[in-house]
Amino acid sequence: MRTPTNDAAIDDGAIDNRRKSVGDRRLSPRTKKLKGARIVWPGSVVRCIIRNLSETGAKMEAHGPIPANFELVFDLDQSRRSCRVMWRKEAMIGVKFI
């Protein structure tokens, strides 16, 4: 049961809208993928799996040290994208294409 408050500024709808806007800050829609690729930077190559992809970035799984900026080379067509790491959580990495 809700207790009454004197604070007229509290609005459940505003709180719900705030939560929705924070949840997904991507500039373009993502699609789930399961693609092989390589993370490449001078002197090193690390295999990775693309978990989702958009026009502006990707979520990938990679094991080992990964630098803040690198080239991503897709296995299927050998296309390349320059990337900047935006977040990391264990083996998952979110990148922005630059």
N, C-alpha and C. Protein backbone atom coordinates (compact mmCIF):
# COMPACT_ATOMS: atom_id res chain seq x y z
N MET A 1 0.83 -1.17 0.00
CA MET A 1 0.00 0.00 0.00
C MET A 1 0.88 1.24 0.00
N ARG A 2 0.56 2.19 -0.89
CA ARG A 2 1.33 3.43 -0.98
C ARG A 2 0.96 4.37 0.14
N THR A 3 1.95 5.02 0.66
CA THR A 3 1.68 6.04 1.67
C THR A 3 1.60 7.39 0.97
N PRO A 4 0.67 8.23 1.38
CA PRO A 4 0.54 9.53 0.72
C PRO A 4 1.75 10.40 1.00
N THR A 5 2.10 11.22 0.01
CA THR A 5 3.21 12.16 0.20
C THR A 5 2.75 13.56 -0.16
N ASN A 6 3.46 14.51 0.32
CA ASN A 6 3.17 15.90 -0.01
C ASN A 6 3.99 16.36 -1.19
N ASP A 7 4.82 15.49 -1.75
CA ASP A 7 5.70 15.86 -2.85
C ASP A 7 4.97 15.67 -4.18
N ALA A 8 4.47 16.75 -4.76
CA ALA A 8 3.71 16.68 -6.01
C ALA A 8 4.61 16.35 -7.19
N ALA A 9 5.93 16.45 -7.03
CA ALA A 9 6.84 16.20 -8.14
C ALA A 9 7.01 14.72 -8.43
N ILE A 10 6.62 13.84 -7.53
CA ILE A 10 6.78 12.40 -7.75
C ILE A 10 5.69 11.94 -8.71
N ASP A 11 6.12 11.31 -9.81
CA ASP A 11 5.19 10.86 -10.84
C ASP A 11 5.68 9.50 -11.32
N ASP A 12 4.91 8.45 -11.06
CA ASP A 12 5.33 7.10 -11.45
C ASP A 12 5.63 7.00 -12.93
N GLY A 13 4.87 7.68 -13.78
CA GLY A 13 5.11 7.66 -15.22
C GLY A 13 6.47 8.22 -15.58
N ALA A 14 6.87 9.29 -14.92
CA ALA A 14 8.17 9.90 -15.18
C ALA A 14 9.30 8.95 -14.80
N ILE A 15 9.13 8.24 -13.71
CA ILE A 15 10.16 7.29 -13.29
C ILE A 15 10.26 6.16 -14.31
N ASP A 16 9.13 5.63 -14.77
CA ASP A 16 9.15 4.57 -15.77
C ASP A 16 9.82 5.04 -17.06
N ASN A 17 9.52 6.25 -17.53
CA ASN A 17 10.13 6.77 -18.74
C ASN A 17 11.64 6.95 -18.57
N ARG A 18 12.07 7.38 -17.41
CA ARG A 18 13.50 7.54 -17.15
C ARG A 18 14.21 6.21 -17.23
N ARG A 19 13.63 5.19 -16.67
CA ARG A 19 14.24 3.86 -16.70
C ARG A 19 14.35 3.34 -18.13
N LYS A 20 13.35 3.54 -18.93
CA LYS A 20 13.38 3.07 -20.32
C LYS A 20 14.46 3.78 -21.11
N SER A 21 14.63 5.08 -20.93
CA SER A 21 15.59 5.82 -21.72
C SER A 21 17.03 5.46 -21.37
N VAL A 22 17.29 5.06 -20.15
CA VAL A 22 18.65 4.70 -19.74
C VAL A 22 19.00 3.30 -20.22
N GLY A 23 18.03 2.43 -20.41
CA GLY A 23 18.27 1.03 -20.73
C GLY A 23 19.02 0.78 -22.02
N ASP A 24 18.76 1.54 -23.07
CA ASP A 24 19.39 1.28 -24.36
C ASP A 24 19.79 2.60 -25.00
N ARG A 25 21.09 2.89 -24.99
CA ARG A 25 21.59 4.15 -25.52
C ARG A 25 22.17 4.01 -26.92
N ARG A 26 21.93 2.90 -27.59
CA ARG A 26 22.49 2.69 -28.92
C ARG A 26 21.88 3.66 -29.92
N LEU A 27 22.67 4.07 -30.90
CA LEU A 27 22.19 4.99 -31.92
C LEU A 27 21.46 4.26 -33.05
N SER A 28 21.69 2.96 -33.19
CA SER A 28 21.01 2.19 -34.23
C SER A 28 20.62 0.83 -33.66
N PRO A 29 19.59 0.20 -34.22
CA PRO A 29 19.13 -1.08 -33.68
C PRO A 29 20.18 -2.18 -33.84
N ARG A 30 20.21 -3.09 -32.90
CA ARG A 30 21.16 -4.20 -32.97
C ARG A 30 20.44 -5.47 -33.42
N THR A 31 21.19 -6.38 -34.00
CA THR A 31 20.66 -7.68 -34.36
C THR A 31 21.57 -8.75 -33.79
N LYS A 32 20.96 -9.83 -33.32
CA LYS A 32 21.75 -10.93 -32.77
C LYS A 32 22.51 -11.61 -33.89
N LYS A 33 23.74 -11.97 -33.60
CA LYS A 33 24.62 -12.62 -34.56
C LYS A 33 25.42 -13.69 -33.84
N LEU A 34 26.02 -14.54 -34.61
CA LEU A 34 26.99 -15.49 -34.09
C LEU A 34 28.04 -15.62 -35.20
N LYS A 35 28.92 -14.62 -35.27
CA LYS A 35 29.91 -14.53 -36.33
C LYS A 35 31.31 -14.62 -35.75
N GLY A 36 32.18 -15.24 -36.48
CA GLY A 36 33.58 -15.28 -36.10
C GLY A 36 34.30 -14.04 -36.61
N ALA A 37 35.27 -13.59 -35.86
CA ALA A 37 36.06 -12.42 -36.26
C ALA A 37 37.40 -12.46 -35.54
N ARG A 38 38.25 -11.52 -35.91
CA ARG A 38 39.56 -11.38 -35.26
C ARG A 38 39.73 -9.95 -34.80
N ILE A 39 40.27 -9.79 -33.60
CA ILE A 39 40.65 -8.49 -33.07
C ILE A 39 42.13 -8.33 -33.38
N VAL A 40 42.45 -7.27 -34.13
CA VAL A 40 43.82 -7.10 -34.62
C VAL A 40 44.37 -5.75 -34.18
N TRP A 41 45.57 -5.76 -33.64
CA TRP A 41 46.32 -4.55 -33.35
C TRP A 41 47.79 -4.88 -33.55
N PRO A 42 48.67 -3.90 -33.67
CA PRO A 42 50.07 -4.17 -34.02
C PRO A 42 50.69 -5.29 -33.18
N GLY A 43 51.10 -6.34 -33.86
CA GLY A 43 51.78 -7.45 -33.22
C GLY A 43 50.90 -8.51 -32.60
N SER A 44 49.57 -8.37 -32.65
CA SER A 44 48.69 -9.34 -31.99
C SER A 44 47.39 -9.56 -32.75
N VAL A 45 46.87 -10.78 -32.58
CA VAL A 45 45.56 -11.15 -33.13
C VAL A 45 44.86 -12.02 -32.09
N VAL A 46 43.60 -11.71 -31.78
CA VAL A 46 42.80 -12.50 -30.84
C VAL A 46 41.49 -12.86 -31.52
N ARG A 47 41.13 -14.14 -31.50
CA ARG A 47 39.85 -14.60 -32.06
C ARG A 47 38.72 -14.12 -31.16
N CYS A 48 37.56 -13.85 -31.78
CA CYS A 48 36.39 -13.44 -30.99
C CYS A 48 35.11 -13.91 -31.68
N ILE A 49 34.02 -13.82 -30.96
CA ILE A 49 32.69 -14.15 -31.48
C ILE A 49 31.83 -12.91 -31.36
N ILE A 50 31.22 -12.48 -32.46
CA ILE A 50 30.30 -11.36 -32.45
C ILE A 50 28.96 -11.86 -31.97
N ARG A 51 28.44 -11.29 -30.87
CA ARG A 51 27.15 -11.70 -30.29
C ARG A 51 25.99 -10.86 -30.79
N ASN A 52 26.22 -9.57 -30.99
CA ASN A 52 25.22 -8.73 -31.66
C ASN A 52 25.94 -7.60 -32.37
N LEU A 53 25.23 -7.04 -33.36
CA LEU A 53 25.87 -6.10 -34.27
C LEU A 53 24.87 -5.02 -34.67
N SER A 54 25.35 -3.80 -34.81
CA SER A 54 24.54 -2.69 -35.33
C SER A 54 25.44 -1.90 -36.27
N GLU A 55 24.89 -0.85 -36.86
CA GLU A 55 25.69 0.00 -37.74
C GLU A 55 26.76 0.75 -36.97
N THR A 56 26.54 0.95 -35.68
CA THR A 56 27.44 1.80 -34.89
C THR A 56 28.34 1.04 -33.92
N GLY A 57 28.12 -0.28 -33.73
CA GLY A 57 28.94 -1.00 -32.79
C GLY A 57 28.59 -2.47 -32.69
N ALA A 58 29.19 -3.15 -31.72
CA ALA A 58 28.99 -4.58 -31.56
C ALA A 58 29.24 -5.01 -30.12
N LYS A 59 28.66 -6.15 -29.79
CA LYS A 59 28.96 -6.83 -28.54
C LYS A 59 29.67 -8.11 -28.93
N MET A 60 30.80 -8.37 -28.31
CA MET A 60 31.57 -9.55 -28.68
C MET A 60 32.12 -10.26 -27.45
N GLU A 61 32.49 -11.50 -27.68
CA GLU A 61 33.12 -12.30 -26.64
C GLU A 61 34.56 -12.57 -27.06
N ALA A 62 35.49 -12.24 -26.18
CA ALA A 62 36.91 -12.45 -26.47
C ALA A 62 37.64 -12.76 -25.17
N HIS A 63 38.61 -13.64 -25.26
CA HIS A 63 39.39 -14.02 -24.08
C HIS A 63 40.82 -13.54 -24.26
N GLY A 64 41.33 -12.91 -23.23
CA GLY A 64 42.68 -12.39 -23.29
C GLY A 64 42.68 -10.88 -23.24
N PRO A 65 43.85 -10.29 -23.14
CA PRO A 65 43.93 -8.83 -23.07
C PRO A 65 43.57 -8.21 -24.42
N ILE A 66 42.73 -7.17 -24.37
CA ILE A 66 42.28 -6.46 -25.57
C ILE A 66 42.56 -4.98 -25.34
N PRO A 67 43.19 -4.30 -26.31
CA PRO A 67 43.47 -2.87 -26.12
C PRO A 67 42.21 -2.02 -26.25
N ALA A 68 42.30 -0.75 -25.91
CA ALA A 68 41.16 0.16 -25.97
C ALA A 68 40.71 0.43 -27.41
N ASN A 69 41.64 0.40 -28.37
CA ASN A 69 41.34 0.61 -29.79
C ASN A 69 41.97 -0.50 -30.61
N PHE A 70 41.25 -0.99 -31.62
CA PHE A 70 41.75 -2.08 -32.45
C PHE A 70 40.96 -2.16 -33.75
N GLU A 71 41.40 -3.02 -34.65
CA GLU A 71 40.69 -3.32 -35.89
C GLU A 71 39.95 -4.64 -35.70
N LEU A 72 38.70 -4.70 -36.14
CA LEU A 72 37.91 -5.92 -36.09
C LEU A 72 37.79 -6.43 -37.52
N VAL A 73 38.23 -7.66 -37.77
CA VAL A 73 38.20 -8.25 -39.10
C VAL A 73 37.22 -9.42 -39.08
N PHE A 74 36.14 -9.31 -39.87
CA PHE A 74 35.11 -10.34 -39.93
C PHE A 74 35.58 -11.52 -40.79
N ASP A 75 35.37 -12.76 -40.31
CA ASP A 75 35.82 -13.95 -41.02
C ASP A 75 35.15 -14.11 -42.39
N LEU A 76 33.86 -13.87 -42.46
CA LEU A 76 33.11 -14.17 -43.67
C LEU A 76 33.59 -13.41 -44.89
N ASP A 77 33.72 -12.11 -44.79
CA ASP A 77 34.10 -11.32 -45.98
C ASP A 77 35.41 -10.55 -45.82
N GLN A 78 36.08 -10.72 -44.71
CA GLN A 78 37.35 -10.05 -44.40
C GLN A 78 37.21 -8.53 -44.32
N SER A 79 35.98 -8.03 -44.15
CA SER A 79 35.80 -6.58 -43.97
C SER A 79 36.36 -6.17 -42.62
N ARG A 80 36.74 -4.90 -42.52
CA ARG A 80 37.39 -4.39 -41.31
C ARG A 80 36.63 -3.19 -40.78
N ARG A 81 36.61 -3.08 -39.45
CA ARG A 81 36.04 -1.91 -38.78
C ARG A 81 36.99 -1.50 -37.67
N SER A 82 37.25 -0.22 -37.56
CA SER A 82 38.02 0.32 -36.44
C SER A 82 37.09 0.42 -35.24
N CYS A 83 37.58 0.01 -34.07
CA CYS A 83 36.73 -0.06 -32.87
C CYS A 83 37.37 0.63 -31.68
N ARG A 84 36.48 1.12 -30.80
CA ARG A 84 36.88 1.65 -29.49
C ARG A 84 36.06 0.91 -28.44
N VAL A 85 36.72 0.36 -27.44
CA VAL A 85 36.02 -0.35 -26.37
C VAL A 85 35.23 0.66 -25.53
N MET A 86 33.93 0.38 -25.35
CA MET A 86 33.06 1.25 -24.55
C MET A 86 32.78 0.65 -23.18
N TRP A 87 32.76 -0.69 -23.09
CA TRP A 87 32.57 -1.37 -21.81
C TRP A 87 33.14 -2.78 -21.89
N ARG A 88 33.45 -3.33 -20.72
CA ARG A 88 33.94 -4.71 -20.59
C ARG A 88 33.30 -5.34 -19.38
N LYS A 89 32.95 -6.59 -19.49
CA LYS A 89 32.46 -7.37 -18.35
C LYS A 89 32.90 -8.81 -18.58
N GLU A 90 33.92 -9.21 -17.84
CA GLU A 90 34.53 -10.53 -18.00
C GLU A 90 34.96 -10.70 -19.46
N ALA A 91 34.46 -11.70 -20.16
CA ALA A 91 34.88 -11.93 -21.55
C ALA A 91 34.05 -11.15 -22.57
N MET A 92 33.01 -10.44 -22.12
CA MET A 92 32.17 -9.66 -23.04
C MET A 92 32.71 -8.25 -23.17
N ILE A 93 32.66 -7.74 -24.41
CA ILE A 93 33.18 -6.42 -24.71
C ILE A 93 32.17 -5.71 -25.61
N GLY A 94 31.86 -4.47 -25.28
CA GLY A 94 31.02 -3.64 -26.14
C GLY A 94 31.89 -2.61 -26.83
N VAL A 95 31.77 -2.52 -28.16
CA VAL A 95 32.61 -1.58 -28.91
C VAL A 95 31.75 -0.63 -29.74
N LYS A 96 32.33 0.54 -29.99
CA LYS A 96 31.76 1.53 -30.88
C LYS A 96 32.64 1.55 -32.11
N PHE A 97 32.03 1.56 -33.30
CA PHE A 97 32.82 1.68 -34.53
C PHE A 97 33.24 3.14 -34.70
N ILE A 98 34.53 3.34 -35.00
CA ILE A 98 35.04 4.71 -35.16
C ILE A 98 35.56 4.93 -36.56
